[in-house]
Amino acid sequence: MLDTTRQSDPAPPQDEPRGCLFALSQPPLMIFLAVIGCLLLMASLHDLLLL
């Protein structure tokens, strides 16, 4: 039987750099961004409606 596996292919890198979407998917960062977003929303609504 013929051997069809390639011996010359390099192994994939083990420590692959992670991108921006991985960082945004972290729960502490999402909670932080949600809190900042809520504060900005409350401030803008206060300026628009009460001042």
Protein backbone atom coordinates (compact mmCIF):
# COMPACT_ATOMS: atom_id res chain seq x y z
CA MET A 1 0.00 0.00 0.00
CA LEU A 2 1.21 3.52 -0.75
CA ASP A 3 2.11 5.86 2.08
CA THR A 4 0.16 9.10 1.38
CA THR A 5 1.21 11.02 4.51
CA ARG A 6 3.46 13.99 3.94
CA GLN A 7 6.62 14.08 5.97
CA SER A 8 7.73 17.54 4.78
CA ASP A 9 4.80 19.52 6.25
CA PRO A 10 5.88 21.66 9.22
CA ALA A 11 4.04 21.21 12.48
CA PRO A 12 1.54 23.98 13.32
CA PRO A 13 2.83 26.54 15.84
CA GLN A 14 1.86 25.74 19.41
CA ASP A 15 1.85 29.30 20.78
CA GLU A 16 -0.43 30.93 18.25
CA PRO A 17 -1.11 34.62 18.94
CA ARG A 18 -4.72 35.34 19.80
CA GLY A 19 -6.55 38.18 18.17
CA CYS A 20 -8.87 40.95 19.25
CA LEU A 21 -12.02 38.81 19.17
CA PHE A 22 -10.54 36.48 21.77
CA ALA A 23 -9.84 39.44 24.05
CA LEU A 24 -13.36 40.81 23.62
CA SER A 25 -14.89 37.46 24.50
CA GLN A 26 -13.49 37.50 28.03
CA PRO A 27 -16.24 37.98 30.67
CA PRO A 28 -14.42 40.53 32.90
CA LEU A 29 -13.74 42.78 29.93
CA MET A 30 -17.34 42.51 28.74
CA ILE A 31 -18.64 43.40 32.22
CA PHE A 32 -16.29 46.37 32.37
CA LEU A 33 -17.38 47.61 28.93
CA ALA A 34 -21.05 47.15 29.84
CA VAL A 35 -20.63 49.22 33.03
CA ILE A 36 -18.82 51.99 31.15
CA GLY A 37 -21.50 51.92 28.44
CA CYS A 38 -24.29 52.18 31.03
CA LEU A 39 -22.55 55.11 32.72
CA LEU A 40 -22.18 56.91 29.39
CA LEU A 41 -25.82 56.21 28.55
CA MET A 42 -27.04 57.52 31.91
CA ALA A 43 -24.89 60.64 31.57
CA SER A 44 -26.15 61.36 28.07
CA LEU A 45 -29.79 60.82 29.07
CA HIS A 46 -29.29 63.10 32.07
CA ASP A 47 -27.88 65.82 29.83
CA LEU A 48 -30.64 65.44 27.24
CA LEU A 49 -33.67 65.13 29.48
CA LEU A 50 -32.92 66.85 32.77
CA LEU A 51 -30.68 69.78 31.87
